[in-house]
Amino acid sequence: MKKPVSKAEIRAELERETERFLQRGGQVENVPQGRSGTEPGDPPLFLNRRLFIEPRSSRTLVPEVVAAIEARRQQRLQRKPEPRRSRLPRPRRKIIYDDFGEPLRKIWVDE
């Protein structure tokens, strides 16, 4: 697993790059405090960026695949028949309670 880069390592790398820039003859421009890096009349950056540069590509449908997907979808949407219930009464379990609401026993009742 790759070790994450710490803040101290990032700071050290930035200092090395700054020293290298200054040694090659670069100069650091001091900007007065409170001045922004953008000019007030400039449009926002997100309006300058073009998101969809490449031309629109055409899509080729594969009829067999589309037909198979639609068939599976139709099968899933079809109603499944509910199991038929018998008309004969089935025994049902009933709980007998005492006068205080505590369960005493369970019995089977035909309804």
C-alpha atoms as a PDB file:
ATOM      1  CA  MET A   1       0.000   0.000   0.000  1.00  0.00           C
ATOM      2  CA  LYS A   2       1.340   3.408  -0.936  1.00  0.00           C
ATOM      3  CA  LYS A   3       2.154   5.734   1.964  1.00  0.00           C
ATOM      4  CA  PRO A   4       0.114   8.981   1.887  1.00  0.00           C
ATOM      5  CA  VAL A   5       2.071  12.197   1.456  1.00  0.00           C
ATOM      6  CA  SER A   6       2.238  14.253   4.655  1.00  0.00           C
ATOM      7  CA  LYS A   7       1.907  18.034   4.915  1.00  0.00           C
ATOM      8  CA  ALA A   8       5.531  18.349   5.980  1.00  0.00           C
ATOM      9  CA  GLU A   9       6.668  16.523   2.841  1.00  0.00           C
ATOM     10  CA  ILE A  10       4.503  18.792   0.667  1.00  0.00           C
ATOM     11  CA  ARG A  11       5.948  21.903   2.364  1.00  0.00           C
ATOM     12  CA  ALA A  12       9.505  20.644   1.879  1.00  0.00           C
ATOM     13  CA  GLU A  13       8.839  19.930  -1.821  1.00  0.00           C
ATOM     14  CA  LEU A  14       7.393  23.436  -2.317  1.00  0.00           C
ATOM     15  CA  GLU A  15      10.420  25.005  -0.628  1.00  0.00           C
ATOM     16  CA  ARG A  16      12.791  22.991  -2.854  1.00  0.00           C
ATOM     17  CA  GLU A  17      10.896  24.064  -5.984  1.00  0.00           C
ATOM     18  CA  THR A  18      10.932  27.710  -4.863  1.00  0.00           C
ATOM     19  CA  GLU A  19      14.683  27.613  -4.220  1.00  0.00           C
ATOM     20  CA  ARG A  20      15.270  25.978  -7.608  1.00  0.00           C
ATOM     21  CA  PHE A  21      13.156  28.718  -9.283  1.00  0.00           C
ATOM     22  CA  LEU A  22      15.082  31.503  -7.532  1.00  0.00           C
ATOM     23  CA  GLN A  23      18.473  29.954  -8.343  1.00  0.00           C
ATOM     24  CA  ARG A  24      17.603  29.883 -12.058  1.00  0.00           C
ATOM     25  CA  GLY A  25      16.988  33.626 -12.012  1.00  0.00           C
ATOM     26  CA  GLY A  26      13.286  33.733 -11.282  1.00  0.00           C
ATOM     27  CA  GLN A  27      11.834  36.554  -9.210  1.00  0.00           C
ATOM     28  CA  VAL A  28       8.966  36.580  -6.749  1.00  0.00           C
ATOM     29  CA  GLU A  29       6.498  39.428  -7.268  1.00  0.00           C
ATOM     30  CA  ASN A  30       5.150  40.922  -4.055  1.00  0.00           C
ATOM     31  CA  VAL A  31       1.422  41.594  -4.182  1.00  0.00           C
ATOM     32  CA  PRO A  32      -0.023  44.132  -1.763  1.00  0.00           C
ATOM     33  CA  GLN A  33      -2.288  42.712   0.926  1.00  0.00           C
ATOM     34  CA  GLY A  34      -5.987  42.770   0.069  1.00  0.00           C
ATOM     35  CA  ARG A  35      -5.498  42.688  -3.716  1.00  0.00           C
ATOM     36  CA  SER A  36      -7.164  39.805  -5.490  1.00  0.00           C
ATOM     37  CA  GLY A  37      -5.513  37.614  -8.079  1.00  0.00           C
ATOM     38  CA  THR A  38      -8.324  38.299 -10.542  1.00  0.00           C
ATOM     39  CA  GLU A  39      -9.337  41.552 -12.115  1.00  0.00           C
ATOM     40  CA  PRO A  40     -12.845  42.818 -11.250  1.00  0.00           C
ATOM     41  CA  GLY A  41     -13.962  42.965 -14.895  1.00  0.00           C
ATOM     42  CA  ASP A  42     -12.866  39.413 -15.795  1.00  0.00           C
ATOM     43  CA  PRO A  43     -15.608  36.821 -16.347  1.00  0.00           C
ATOM     44  CA  PRO A  44     -15.744  33.916 -13.875  1.00  0.00           C
ATOM     45  CA  LEU A  45     -13.377  31.037 -14.577  1.00  0.00           C
ATOM     46  CA  PHE A  46     -16.143  28.461 -14.925  1.00  0.00           C
ATOM     47  CA  LEU A  47     -17.542  30.379 -17.912  1.00  0.00           C
ATOM     48  CA  ASN A  48     -14.190  30.238 -19.715  1.00  0.00           C
ATOM     49  CA  ARG A  49     -13.861  26.459 -19.481  1.00  0.00           C
ATOM     50  CA  ARG A  50     -15.415  24.441 -22.285  1.00  0.00           C
ATOM     51  CA  LEU A  51     -16.686  21.124 -21.013  1.00  0.00           C
ATOM     52  CA  PHE A  52     -17.695  19.278 -24.157  1.00  0.00           C
ATOM     53  CA  ILE A  53     -14.980  20.026 -26.714  1.00  0.00           C
ATOM     54  CA  GLU A  54     -15.081  16.838 -28.797  1.00  0.00           C
ATOM     55  CA  PRO A  55     -17.868  16.447 -31.379  1.00  0.00           C
ATOM     56  CA  ARG A  56     -20.935  14.426 -30.559  1.00  0.00           C
ATOM     57  CA  SER A  57     -20.502  10.765 -31.439  1.00  0.00           C
ATOM     58  CA  SER A  58     -23.273   8.752 -33.018  1.00  0.00           C
ATOM     59  CA  ARG A  59     -24.548   5.678 -31.248  1.00  0.00           C
ATOM     60  CA  THR A  60     -25.117   2.368 -32.950  1.00  0.00           C
ATOM     61  CA  LEU A  61     -27.997   0.362 -31.570  1.00  0.00           C
ATOM     62  CA  VAL A  62     -27.695  -3.391 -31.442  1.00  0.00           C
ATOM     63  CA  PRO A  63     -31.260  -4.623 -32.071  1.00  0.00           C
ATOM     64  CA  GLU A  64     -30.716  -8.107 -30.624  1.00  0.00           C
ATOM     65  CA  VAL A  65     -29.430  -6.757 -27.333  1.00  0.00           C
ATOM     66  CA  VAL A  66     -32.199  -4.163 -27.080  1.00  0.00           C
ATOM     67  CA  ALA A  67     -34.810  -6.846 -27.834  1.00  0.00           C
ATOM     68  CA  ALA A  68     -33.398  -9.165 -25.153  1.00  0.00           C
ATOM     69  CA  ILE A  69     -33.411  -6.377 -22.558  1.00  0.00           C
ATOM     70  CA  GLU A  70     -36.987  -5.425 -23.431  1.00  0.00           C
ATOM     71  CA  ALA A  71     -38.104  -9.063 -23.212  1.00  0.00           C
ATOM     72  CA  ARG A  72     -36.610  -9.441 -19.722  1.00  0.00           C
ATOM     73  CA  ARG A  73     -38.244  -6.170 -18.692  1.00  0.00           C
ATOM     74  CA  GLN A  74     -41.655  -7.315 -19.937  1.00  0.00           C
ATOM     75  CA  GLN A  75     -41.345 -10.618 -18.055  1.00  0.00           C
ATOM     76  CA  ARG A  76     -40.573  -8.763 -14.859  1.00  0.00           C
ATOM     77  CA  LEU A  77     -43.578  -6.449 -15.325  1.00  0.00           C
ATOM     78  CA  GLN A  78     -46.078  -9.281 -15.918  1.00  0.00           C
ATOM     79  CA  ARG A  79     -48.289 -10.138 -12.980  1.00  0.00           C
ATOM     80  CA  LYS A  80     -47.679 -13.450 -11.358  1.00  0.00           C
ATOM     81  CA  PRO A  81     -50.801 -15.433 -10.495  1.00  0.00           C
ATOM     82  CA  GLU A  82     -51.524 -15.496  -6.801  1.00  0.00           C
ATOM     83  CA  PRO A  83     -51.827 -18.920  -5.232  1.00  0.00           C
ATOM     84  CA  ARG A  84     -55.417 -20.052  -5.025  1.00  0.00           C
ATOM     85  CA  ARG A  85     -56.832 -20.320  -1.582  1.00  0.00           C
ATOM     86  CA  SER A  86     -58.898 -23.321  -0.700  1.00  0.00           C
ATOM     87  CA  ARG A  87     -62.470 -22.641   0.246  1.00  0.00           C
ATOM     88  CA  LEU A  88     -62.313 -25.045   3.127  1.00  0.00           C
ATOM     89  CA  PRO A  89     -61.693 -23.431   6.496  1.00  0.00           C
ATOM     90  CA  ARG A  90     -58.235 -23.976   7.790  1.00  0.00           C
ATOM     91  CA  PRO A  91     -57.355 -24.370  11.435  1.00  0.00           C
ATOM     92  CA  ARG A  92     -56.015 -21.241  13.060  1.00  0.00           C
ATOM     93  CA  ARG A  93     -54.022 -20.896  16.247  1.00  0.00           C
ATOM     94  CA  LYS A  94     -55.714 -18.821  18.965  1.00  0.00           C
ATOM     95  CA  ILE A  95     -54.166 -17.668  22.221  1.00  0.00           C
ATOM     96  CA  ILE A  96     -56.241 -17.895  25.378  1.00  0.00           C
ATOM     97  CA  TYR A  97     -55.590 -15.088  27.893  1.00  0.00           C
ATOM     98  CA  ASP A  98     -56.400 -14.951  31.619  1.00  0.00           C
ATOM     99  CA  ASP A  99     -58.217 -12.087  33.371  1.00  0.00           C
ATOM    100  CA  PHE A 100     -54.993 -10.082  33.679  1.00  0.00           C
ATOM    101  CA  GLY A 101     -54.073 -10.298  29.975  1.00  0.00           C
ATOM    102  CA  GLU A 102     -51.367 -12.906  30.384  1.00  0.00           C
ATOM    103  CA  PRO A 103     -51.327 -15.717  27.799  1.00  0.00           C
ATOM    104  CA  LEU A 104     -52.339 -19.078  29.267  1.00  0.00           C
ATOM    105  CA  ARG A 105     -52.225 -21.475  26.334  1.00  0.00           C
ATOM    106  CA  LYS A 106     -52.594 -21.806  22.563  1.00  0.00           C
ATOM    107  CA  ILE A 107     -55.404 -23.740  20.966  1.00  0.00           C
ATOM    108  CA  TRP A 108     -56.363 -24.548  17.362  1.00  0.00           C
ATOM    109  CA  VAL A 109     -59.727 -23.286  16.169  1.00  0.00           C
ATOM    110  CA  ASP A 110     -61.520 -24.149  12.902  1.00  0.00           C
ATOM    111  CA  GLU A 111     -62.967 -21.057  11.253  1.00  0.00           C
END
